Amino acid sequence: MKITMQLLLAALLMLSFVIVTPAAARPAPVFCDAVLTDIVIRGDLLVPERSHCELNNVTVLGDVRMRDGAGFTPYDSRIAGSITGAQFELLHLLNSTVEGDIRLRGGVRAELARATVTGDVWLNDLYEAVLLESRVRGALMARGTNGQVQLCGSTVEGDASVVGNSGWIMVGGDLATCATNAVHGTLRVHHNQQAITVANNTVGQNLICAANDPAPTVFANQVRGKTRGQCGGNEPMDAQELAETE
């Protein structure tokens, strides 16, 4: 009994020296409506309504959220989280990296130029969606665009879908105006309503085109899987082949 009491007292004495530290609080969001240069933002970045934020050589360790009418132009910067926005004015991602997703809806223009996105890119109901010399390690979706969709000189490591757009579409081209793309998964182009070019692309799985009016101009694609529908074969498509998940 004496030994037990001694052990208990020793344990209590050790616990009395334990310093309990509270969990570190998440940094408050940083609001940006100007130009930020050569800094690290520890938390999230918010671009307020009808404001414009420019980053030059900045690291954001959290997410970026764009409010109505906001513009966001990171140059030579890194976003460790995701970029989200609705009814925004502009996203121009130049020579920068996003380690999460890009999910945008109802904005004016999204342009990725010499950019890398580790997650998915979902561009819904924009006016213009442009990817130039960029890499998407996840999937790409451009849906409901009524101005233009342009994919040139870029790599998508997942599936790429260009669906339900009413503006003109260029997925690759004649090499002089639009460099070749590489899609490691399946490339789907369907239910679009304006002039479409699908050319000089390398597709790792299937190339599927259907229900486009007018039918797309298609040439010089290298497809490891099947070429289906309006892009070749003229076989009827089933719902599973045209399905995308978000």
Foldseek 3Di string as FASTA:
>chain_A
DVVVVVVVVVVVVVVVPDDDDDDDDADDEDEFQEEDEDEEAREEYEDDALGEYEYYAYEYCYEYEYEAQYHYEYENYEYAEEYEYENYEEYEYYCYEYAYEYYYEHYEEYEYANYEYAEEYAAYQYQEYYYYLYEYAYEYEHENHEAEYEYANYEYAEEYEYEHYAHEYEQADPCVVGHEYEYLYEYEYENYEDEYEHERYEYNEEYEYYHYVVQYHYDHYHYPYYYDCSNDDNDDDDPVVRDDDD
